[in-house]
PDB file of N, CA and C in Angstrom:
ATOM      1  N   UNK A   1       0.835  -1.155   0.000  1.00  0.00           N
ATOM      2  CA  UNK A   1       0.000   0.000   0.000  1.00  0.00           C
ATOM      3  C   UNK A   1       0.894   1.237   0.000  1.00  0.00           C
ATOM      4  N   UNK A   2       0.596   2.108  -0.909  1.00  0.00           N
ATOM      5  CA  UNK A   2       1.363   3.348  -0.978  1.00  0.00           C
ATOM      6  C   UNK A   2       0.454   4.509  -0.572  1.00  0.00           C
ATOM      7  N   UNK A   3       0.904   5.227   0.404  1.00  0.00           N
ATOM      8  CA  UNK A   3       0.142   6.363   0.922  1.00  0.00           C
ATOM      9  C   UNK A   3       0.883   7.633   0.547  1.00  0.00           C
ATOM     10  N   UNK A   4       0.199   8.562  -0.105  1.00  0.00           N
ATOM     11  CA  UNK A   4       0.888   9.795  -0.488  1.00  0.00           C
ATOM     12  C   UNK A   4       1.247  10.625   0.736  1.00  0.00           C
ATOM     13  N   UNK A   5       2.382  11.298   0.638  1.00  0.00           N
ATOM     14  CA  UNK A   5       2.820  12.149   1.737  1.00  0.00           C
ATOM     15  C   UNK A   5       1.952  13.399   1.794  1.00  0.00           C
ATOM     16  N   UNK A   6       1.672  13.831   3.010  1.00  0.00           N
ATOM     17  CA  UNK A   6       0.894  15.048   3.200  1.00  0.00           C
ATOM     18  C   UNK A   6       1.725  16.039   3.992  1.00  0.00           C
ATOM     19  N   UNK A   7       1.489  17.271   3.711  1.00  0.00           N
ATOM     20  CA  UNK A   7       2.159  18.324   4.457  1.00  0.00           C
ATOM     21  C   UNK A   7       1.481  18.469   5.818  1.00  0.00           C
ATOM     22  N   UNK A   8       2.278  18.590   6.882  1.00  0.00           N
ATOM     23  CA  UNK A   8       1.653  18.768   8.200  1.00  0.00           C
ATOM     24  C   UNK A   8       0.943  20.122   8.283  1.00  0.00           C
ATOM     25  N   UNK A   9      -0.195  20.112   8.946  1.00  0.00           N
ATOM     26  CA  UNK A   9      -0.941  21.354   9.125  1.00  0.00           C
ATOM     27  C   UNK A   9      -0.248  22.187  10.192  1.00  0.00           C
ATOM     28  N   UNK A  10      -0.353  23.486  10.012  1.00  0.00           N
ATOM     29  CA  UNK A  10       0.230  24.376  11.008  1.00  0.00           C
ATOM     30  C   UNK A  10      -0.624  24.355  12.264  1.00  0.00           C
ATOM     31  N   UNK A  11       0.047  24.346  13.389  1.00  0.00           N
ATOM     32  CA  UNK A  11      -0.672  24.331  14.664  1.00  0.00           C
ATOM     33  C   UNK A  11      -1.366  25.662  14.879  1.00  0.00           C
ATOM     34  N   UNK A  12      -2.621  25.596  15.249  1.00  0.00           N
ATOM     35  CA  UNK A  12      -3.378  26.802  15.529  1.00  0.00           C
ATOM     36  C   UNK A  12      -3.238  27.157  17.003  1.00  0.00           C
ATOM     37  N   UNK A  13      -3.297  28.419  17.279  1.00  0.00           N
ATOM     38  CA  UNK A  13      -3.224  28.888  18.665  1.00  0.00           C
ATOM     39  C   UNK A  13      -4.648  28.942  19.205  1.00  0.00           C
ATOM     40  N   UNK A  14      -4.987  28.136  20.214  1.00  0.00           N
ATOM     41  CA  UNK A  14      -6.367  28.090  20.707  1.00  0.00           C
ATOM     42  C   UNK A  14      -6.880  29.432  21.225  1.00  0.00           C
ATOM     43  N   UNK A  15      -6.015  30.230  21.807  1.00  0.00           N
ATOM     44  CA  UNK A  15      -6.463  31.500  22.374  1.00  0.00           C
ATOM     45  C   UNK A  15      -6.930  32.455  21.290  1.00  0.00           C
ATOM     46  N   UNK A  16      -6.268  32.445  20.137  1.00  0.00           N
ATOM     47  CA  UNK A  16      -6.702  33.328  19.058  1.00  0.00           C
ATOM     48  C   UNK A  16      -8.042  32.876  18.483  1.00  0.00           C
ATOM     49  N   UNK A  17      -8.283  31.565  18.411  1.00  0.00           N
ATOM     50  CA  UNK A  17      -9.571  31.069  17.954  1.00  0.00           C
ATOM     51  C   UNK A  17     -10.669  31.414  18.954  1.00  0.00           C
ATOM     52  N   UNK A  18     -10.359  31.333  20.225  1.00  0.00           N
ATOM     53  CA  UNK A  18     -11.318  31.715  21.259  1.00  0.00           C
ATOM     54  C   UNK A  18     -11.665  33.190  21.134  1.00  0.00           C
ATOM     55  N   UNK A  19     -10.664  34.003  20.914  1.00  0.00           N
ATOM     56  CA  UNK A  19     -10.865  35.445  20.792  1.00  0.00           C
ATOM     57  C   UNK A  19     -11.691  35.786  19.548  1.00  0.00           C
ATOM     58  N   UNK A  20     -11.525  35.054  18.477  1.00  0.00           N
ATOM     59  CA  UNK A  20     -12.290  35.332  17.262  1.00  0.00           C
ATOM     60  C   UNK A  20     -13.745  34.892  17.393  1.00  0.00           C
ATOM     61  N   UNK A  21     -14.063  33.985  18.311  1.00  0.00           N
ATOM     62  CA  UNK A  21     -15.441  33.545  18.503  1.00  0.00           C
ATOM     63  C   UNK A  21     -16.240  34.400  19.456  1.00  0.00           C
ATOM     64  N   UNK A  22     -15.580  35.261  20.221  1.00  0.00           N
ATOM     65  CA  UNK A  22     -16.286  36.100  21.186  1.00  0.00           C
ATOM     66  C   UNK A  22     -17.312  37.034  20.555  1.00  0.00           C
ATOM     67  N   UNK A  23     -17.011  37.725  19.460  1.00  0.00           N
ATOM     68  CA  UNK A  23     -18.051  38.588  18.862  1.00  0.00           C
ATOM     69  C   UNK A  23     -19.280  37.810  18.393  1.00  0.00           C
ATOM     70  N   UNK A  24     -19.081  36.592  17.912  1.00  0.00           N
ATOM     71  CA  UNK A  24     -20.207  35.767  17.490  1.00  0.00           C
ATOM     72  C   UNK A  24     -21.097  35.423  18.678  1.00  0.00           C
ATOM     73  N   UNK A  25     -20.484  35.054  19.798  1.00  0.00           N
ATOM     74  CA  UNK A  25     -21.246  34.722  20.999  1.00  0.00           C
ATOM     75  C   UNK A  25     -21.949  35.952  21.567  1.00  0.00           C
ATOM     76  N   UNK A  26     -21.320  37.101  21.457  1.00  0.00           N
ATOM     77  CA  UNK A  26     -21.912  38.329  21.977  1.00  0.00           C
ATOM     78  C   UNK A  26     -23.101  38.775  21.125  1.00  0.00           C
ATOM     79  N   UNK A  27     -23.078  38.482  19.844  1.00  0.00           N
ATOM     80  CA  UNK A  27     -24.147  38.925  18.952  1.00  0.00           C
ATOM     81  C   UNK A  27     -25.390  38.046  19.036  1.00  0.00           C
ATOM     82  N   UNK A  28     -25.245  36.805  19.450  1.00  0.00           N
ATOM     83  CA  UNK A  28     -26.373  35.874  19.489  1.00  0.00           C
ATOM     84  C   UNK A  28     -26.889  35.738  20.921  1.00  0.00           C
ATOM     85  N   UNK A  29     -28.132  36.169  21.168  1.00  0.00           N
ATOM     86  CA  UNK A  29     -28.684  36.182  22.524  1.00  0.00           C
ATOM     87  C   UNK A  29     -28.785  34.793  23.157  1.00  0.00           C
ATOM     88  N   UNK A  30     -29.288  33.751  22.456  1.00  0.00           N
ATOM     89  CA  UNK A  30     -29.352  32.431  23.105  1.00  0.00           C
ATOM     90  C   UNK A  30     -27.976  31.880  23.484  1.00  0.00           C
ATOM     91  N   UNK A  31     -26.989  32.075  22.634  1.00  0.00           N
ATOM     92  CA  UNK A  31     -25.642  31.584  22.958  1.00  0.00           C
ATOM     93  C   UNK A  31     -25.076  32.364  24.133  1.00  0.00           C
ATOM     94  N   UNK A  32     -25.240  33.673  24.124  1.00  0.00           N
ATOM     95  CA  UNK A  32     -24.733  34.502  25.218  1.00  0.00           C
ATOM     96  C   UNK A  32     -25.404  34.135  26.534  1.00  0.00           C
ATOM     97  N   UNK A  33     -26.726  33.918  26.515  1.00  0.00           N
ATOM     98  CA  UNK A  33     -27.452  33.556  27.728  1.00  0.00           C
ATOM     99  C   UNK A  33     -27.014  32.192  28.251  1.00  0.00           C
ATOM    100  N   UNK A  34     -26.830  31.250  27.341  1.00  0.00           N
ATOM    101  CA  UNK A  34     -26.396  29.913  27.750  1.00  0.00           C
ATOM    102  C   UNK A  34     -25.002  29.937  28.360  1.00  0.00           C
ATOM    103  N   UNK A  35     -24.089  30.659  27.745  1.00  0.00           N
ATOM    104  CA  UNK A  35     -22.729  30.748  28.289  1.00  0.00           C
ATOM    105  C   UNK A  35     -22.710  31.453  29.638  1.00  0.00           C
ATOM    106  N   UNK A  36     -23.515  32.480  29.797  1.00  0.00           N
ATOM    107  CA  UNK A  36     -23.588  33.181  31.077  1.00  0.00           C
ATOM    108  C   UNK A  36     -24.160  32.278  32.156  1.00  0.00           C
ATOM    109  N   UNK A  37     -25.218  31.541  31.838  1.00  0.00           N
ATOM    110  CA  UNK A  37     -25.817  30.630  32.800  1.00  0.00           C
ATOM    111  C   UNK A  37     -24.836  29.530  33.209  1.00  0.00           C
ATOM    112  N   UNK A  38     -24.141  28.951  32.246  1.00  0.00           N
ATOM    113  CA  UNK A  38     -23.165  27.909  32.565  1.00  0.00           C
ATOM    114  C   UNK A  38     -22.002  28.455  33.386  1.00  0.00           C
ATOM    115  N   UNK A  39     -21.606  29.681  33.107  1.00  0.00           N
ATOM    116  CA  UNK A  39     -20.519  30.283  33.876  1.00  0.00           C
ATOM    117  C   UNK A  39     -20.925  30.500  35.327  1.00  0.00           C
ATOM    118  N   UNK A  40     -22.123  31.012  35.538  1.00  0.00           N
ATOM    119  CA  UNK A  40     -22.600  31.255  36.905  1.00  0.00           C
ATOM    120  C   UNK A  40     -22.766  29.936  37.652  1.00  0.00           C
ATOM    121  N   UNK A  41     -23.336  28.922  36.986  1.00  0.00           N
ATOM    122  CA  UNK A  41     -23.497  27.626  37.645  1.00  0.00           C
ATOM    123  C   UNK A  41     -22.164  26.974  37.964  1.00  0.00           C
ATOM    124  N   UNK A  42     -21.219  27.096  37.080  1.00  0.00           N
ATOM    125  CA  UNK A  42     -19.905  26.505  37.332  1.00  0.00           C
ATOM    126  C   UNK A  42     -19.188  27.199  38.471  1.00  0.00           C
ATOM    127  N   UNK A  43     -19.390  28.495  38.584  1.00  0.00           N
ATOM    128  CA  UNK A  43     -18.709  29.255  39.625  1.00  0.00           C
ATOM    129  C   UNK A  43     -19.352  29.061  40.992  1.00  0.00           C
ATOM    130  N   UNK A  44     -20.677  29.070  41.044  1.00  0.00           N
ATOM    131  CA  UNK A  44     -21.362  29.045  42.339  1.00  0.00           C
ATOM    132  C   UNK A  44     -22.119  27.753  42.608  1.00  0.00           C
ATOM    133  N   UNK A  45     -22.838  27.234  41.636  1.00  0.00           N
ATOM    134  CA  UNK A  45     -23.790  26.167  41.888  1.00  0.00           C
ATOM    135  C   UNK A  45     -23.209  24.782  42.006  1.00  0.00           C
ATOM    136  N   UNK A  46     -22.243  24.447  41.210  1.00  0.00           N
ATOM    137  CA  UNK A  46     -21.759  23.072  41.186  1.00  0.00           C
ATOM    138  C   UNK A  46     -20.759  22.755  42.289  1.00  0.00           C
ATOM    139  N   UNK A  47     -20.372  23.727  43.061  1.00  0.00           N
ATOM    140  CA  UNK A  47     -19.392  23.494  44.116  1.00  0.00           C
ATOM    141  C   UNK A  47     -20.021  22.930  45.387  1.00  0.00           C
ATOM    142  N   UNK A  48     -21.353  22.857  45.439  1.00  0.00           N
ATOM    143  CA  UNK A  48     -21.995  22.382  46.655  1.00  0.00           C
ATOM    144  C   UNK A  48     -21.649  20.931  46.951  1.00  0.00           C
ATOM    145  N   UNK A  49     -21.419  20.125  45.931  1.00  0.00           N
ATOM    146  CA  UNK A  49     -21.111  18.711  46.146  1.00  0.00           C
ATOM    147  C   UNK A  49     -19.772  18.527  46.857  1.00  0.00           C
ATOM    148  N   UNK A  50     -18.885  19.494  46.725  1.00  0.00           N
ATOM    149  CA  UNK A  50     -17.585  19.414  47.397  1.00  0.00           C
ATOM    150  C   UNK A  50     -17.748  19.688  48.886  1.00  0.00           C
ATOM    151  N   UNK A  51     -18.596  20.658  49.214  1.00  0.00           N
ATOM    152  CA  UNK A  51     -18.757  21.063  50.606  1.00  0.00           C
ATOM    153  C   UNK A  51     -19.877  20.337  51.341  1.00  0.00           C
ATOM    154  N   UNK A  52     -20.677  19.563  50.642  1.00  0.00           N
ATOM    155  CA  UNK A  52     -21.808  18.886  51.266  1.00  0.00           C
ATOM    156  C   UNK A  52     -21.406  17.902  52.360  1.00  0.00           C
ATOM    157  N   UNK A  53     -20.363  17.090  52.206  1.00  0.00           N
ATOM    158  CA  UNK A  53     -19.965  16.213  53.315  1.00  0.00           C
ATOM    159  C   UNK A  53     -19.530  16.991  54.560  1.00  0.00           C
ATOM    160  N   UNK A  54     -18.818  18.088  54.364  1.00  0.00           N
ATOM    161  CA  UNK A  54     -18.419  18.910  55.508  1.00  0.00           C
ATOM    162  C   UNK A  54     -19.622  19.560  56.175  1.00  0.00           C
ATOM    163  N   UNK A  55     -20.574  19.997  55.379  1.00  0.00           N
ATOM    164  CA  UNK A  55     -21.786  20.608  55.910  1.00  0.00           C
ATOM    165  C   UNK A  55     -22.561  19.597  56.747  1.00  0.00           C
ATOM    166  N   UNK A  56     -22.685  18.361  56.237  1.00  0.00           N
ATOM    167  CA  UNK A  56     -23.415  17.327  56.971  1.00  0.00           C
ATOM    168  C   UNK A  56     -22.710  16.967  58.268  1.00  0.00           C
ATOM    169  N   UNK A  57     -21.396  16.950  58.246  1.00  0.00           N
ATOM    170  CA  UNK A  57     -20.642  16.542  59.443  1.00  0.00           C
ATOM    171  C   UNK A  57     -20.526  17.662  60.467  1.00  0.00           C
ATOM    172  N   UNK A  58     -20.101  18.838  60.037  1.00  0.00           N
ATOM    173  CA  UNK A  58     -19.773  19.905  60.986  1.00  0.00           C
ATOM    174  C   UNK A  58     -20.947  20.802  61.354  1.00  0.00           C
ATOM    175  N   UNK A  59     -21.856  21.049  60.439  1.00  0.00           N
ATOM    176  CA  UNK A  59     -22.959  21.969  60.706  1.00  0.00           C
ATOM    177  C   UNK A  59     -24.180  21.212  61.217  1.00  0.00           C
ATOM    178  N   UNK A  60     -24.558  20.157  60.490  1.00  0.00           N
ATOM    179  CA  UNK A  60     -25.753  19.410  60.885  1.00  0.00           C
ATOM    180  C   UNK A  60     -25.459  18.329  61.919  1.00  0.00           C
ATOM    181  N   UNK A  61     -24.201  17.967  62.082  1.00  0.00           N
ATOM    182  CA  UNK A  61     -23.784  16.912  63.023  1.00  0.00           C
ATOM    183  C   UNK A  61     -24.582  15.631  62.802  1.00  0.00           C
ATOM    184  N   UNK A  62     -24.725  15.240  61.532  1.00  0.00           N
ATOM    185  CA  UNK A  62     -25.556  14.084  61.218  1.00  0.00           C
ATOM    186  C   UNK A  62     -24.785  12.919  60.615  1.00  0.00           C
ATOM    187  N   UNK A  63     -23.567  13.130  60.199  1.00  0.00           N
ATOM    188  CA  UNK A  63     -22.755  12.040  59.680  1.00  0.00           C
ATOM    189  C   UNK A  63     -23.210  11.522  58.337  1.00  0.00           C
ATOM    190  N   UNK A  64     -23.023  10.217  58.144  1.00  0.00           N
ATOM    191  CA  UNK A  64     -23.297   9.603  56.845  1.00  0.00           C
ATOM    192  C   UNK A  64     -24.787   9.591  56.523  1.00  0.00           C
ATOM    193  N   UNK A  65     -25.616   9.416  57.530  1.00  0.00           N
ATOM    194  CA  UNK A  65     -27.073   9.390  57.296  1.00  0.00           C
ATOM    195  C   UNK A  65     -27.560  10.757  56.787  1.00  0.00           C
ATOM    196  N   UNK A  66     -27.118  11.812  57.425  1.00  0.00           N
ATOM    197  CA  UNK A  66     -27.505  13.153  56.987  1.00  0.00           C
ATOM    198  C   UNK A  66     -26.952  13.481  55.608  1.00  0.00           C
ATOM    199  N   UNK A  67     -25.729  13.023  55.345  1.00  0.00           N
ATOM    200  CA  UNK A  67     -25.142  13.238  54.020  1.00  0.00           C
ATOM    201  C   UNK A  67     -25.956  12.527  52.949  1.00  0.00           C
ATOM    202  N   UNK A  68     -26.394  11.303  53.237  1.00  0.00           N
ATOM    203  CA  UNK A  68     -27.234  10.564  52.295  1.00  0.00           C
ATOM    204  C   UNK A  68     -28.559  11.261  52.044  1.00  0.00           C
ATOM    205  N   UNK A  69     -29.153  11.820  53.093  1.00  0.00           N
ATOM    206  CA  UNK A  69     -30.405  12.552  52.920  1.00  0.00           C
ATOM    207  C   UNK A  69     -30.202  13.822  52.100  1.00  0.00           C
ATOM    208  N   UNK A  70     -29.103  14.511  52.335  1.00  0.00           N
ATOM    209  CA  UNK A  70     -28.814  15.711  51.551  1.00  0.00           C
ATOM    210  C   UNK A  70     -28.600  15.377  50.077  1.00  0.00           C
ATOM    211  N   UNK A  71     -27.868  14.308  49.807  1.00  0.00           N
ATOM    212  CA  UNK A  71     -27.619  13.924  48.424  1.00  0.00           C
ATOM    213  C   UNK A  71     -28.906  13.452  47.735  1.00  0.00           C
ATOM    214  N   UNK A  72     -29.749  12.719  48.468  1.00  0.00           N
ATOM    215  CA  UNK A  72     -30.998  12.268  47.854  1.00  0.00           C
ATOM    216  C   UNK A  72     -31.950  13.434  47.620  1.00  0.00           C
ATOM    217  N   UNK A  73     -31.904  14.448  48.478  1.00  0.00           N
ATOM    218  CA  UNK A  73     -32.757  15.617  48.251  1.00  0.00           C
ATOM    219  C   UNK A  73     -32.324  16.367  46.996  1.00  0.00           C
ATOM    220  N   UNK A  74     -31.043  16.293  46.665  1.00  0.00           N
ATOM    221  CA  UNK A  74     -30.559  16.921  45.434  1.00  0.00           C
ATOM    222  C   UNK A  74     -31.086  16.199  44.198  1.00  0.00           C
ATOM    223  N   UNK A  75     -31.545  14.972  44.338  1.00  0.00           N
ATOM    224  CA  UNK A  75     -32.149  14.254  43.222  1.00  0.00           C
ATOM    225  C   UNK A  75     -33.662  14.309  43.232  1.00  0.00           C
ATOM    226  N   UNK A  76     -34.261  14.400  44.424  1.00  0.00           N
ATOM    227  CA  UNK A  76     -35.717  14.432  44.536  1.00  0.00           C
ATOM    228  C   UNK A  76     -36.269  15.783  44.087  1.00  0.00           C
ATOM    229  N   UNK A  77     -35.587  16.859  44.407  1.00  0.00           N
ATOM    230  CA  UNK A  77     -36.080  18.197  44.067  1.00  0.00           C
ATOM    231  C   UNK A  77     -36.235  18.388  42.553  1.00  0.00           C
ATOM    232  N   UNK A  78     -35.273  18.022  41.727  1.00  0.00           N
ATOM    233  CA  UNK A  78     -35.497  18.150  40.277  1.00  0.00           C
ATOM    234  C   UNK A  78     -36.619  17.247  39.769  1.00  0.00           C
ATOM    235  N   UNK A  79     -36.745  16.074  40.353  1.00  0.00           N
ATOM    236  CA  UNK A  79     -37.827  15.182  39.948  1.00  0.00           C
ATOM    237  C   UNK A  79     -39.183  15.809  40.237  1.00  0.00           C
ATOM    238  N   UNK A  80     -39.321  16.418  41.406  1.00  0.00           N
ATOM    239  CA  UNK A  80     -40.572  17.080  41.741  1.00  0.00           C
ATOM    240  C   UNK A  80     -40.829  18.276  40.820  1.00  0.00           C
ATOM    241  N   UNK A  81     -39.791  18.992  40.466  1.00  0.00           N
ATOM    242  CA  UNK A  81     -39.945  20.107  39.532  1.00  0.00           C
ATOM    243  C   UNK A  81     -40.407  19.654  38.166  1.00  0.00           C
ATOM    244  N   UNK A  82     -39.852  18.558  37.668  1.00  0.00           N
ATOM    245  CA  UNK A  82     -40.256  18.019  36.367  1.00  0.00           C
ATOM    246  C   UNK A  82     -41.686  17.504  36.444  1.00  0.00           C
ATOM    247  N   UNK A  83     -42.034  16.839  37.544  1.00  0.00           N
ATOM    248  CA  UNK A  83     -43.400  16.336  37.691  1.00  0.00           C
ATOM    249  C   UNK A  83     -44.392  17.492  37.745  1.00  0.00           C
ATOM    250  N   UNK A  84     -44.024  18.586  38.366  1.00  0.00           N
ATOM    251  CA  UNK A  84     -44.889  19.752  38.420  1.00  0.00           C
ATOM    252  C   UNK A  84     -45.053  20.366  37.042  1.00  0.00           C
ATOM    253  N   UNK A  85     -43.977  20.433  36.277  1.00  0.00           N
ATOM    254  CA  UNK A  85     -44.057  20.994  34.920  1.00  0.00           C
ATOM    255  C   UNK A  85     -44.844  20.079  33.973  1.00  0.00           C
ATOM    256  N   UNK A  86     -44.755  18.785  34.167  1.00  0.00           N
ATOM    257  CA  UNK A  86     -45.412  17.830  33.274  1.00  0.00           C
ATOM    258  C   UNK A  86     -46.872  17.584  33.646  1.00  0.00           C
ATOM    259  N   UNK A  87     -47.290  18.075  34.758  1.00  0.00           N
ATOM    260  CA  UNK A  87     -48.659  17.851  35.222  1.00  0.00           C
ATOM    261  C   UNK A  87     -49.635  18.514  34.269  1.00  0.00           C
ATOM    262  N   UNK A  88     -50.731  17.811  34.013  1.00  0.00           N
ATOM    263  CA  UNK A  88     -51.762  18.353  33.130  1.00  0.00           C
ATOM    264  C   UNK A  88     -52.867  18.977  33.969  1.00  0.00           C
ATOM    265  N   UNK A  89     -53.381  20.069  33.493  1.00  0.00           N
ATOM    266  CA  UNK A  89     -54.452  20.750  34.226  1.00  0.00           C
ATOM    267  C   UNK A  89     -55.806  20.289  33.770  1.00  0.00           C
TER     268      UNK A  89
END
């Protein structure tokens, strides 16, 4: 099998590509809103899972049982929200 030689592609600088996409994201409202929401959730919302064991142990003084209840409530609440949205009137 003979494979023709190809010229290697020049490496692109990721930061320049990121910078060129910013005006596109700023001009489109759904993309801008989605990126803002994900940024806020990543900064504030998703960190609760890291501190939840400490909260259960030091603040609630409940140990593993309290931690399990806290984690299960994090799954029950979205389920109840979806059930409320899906309910027919």
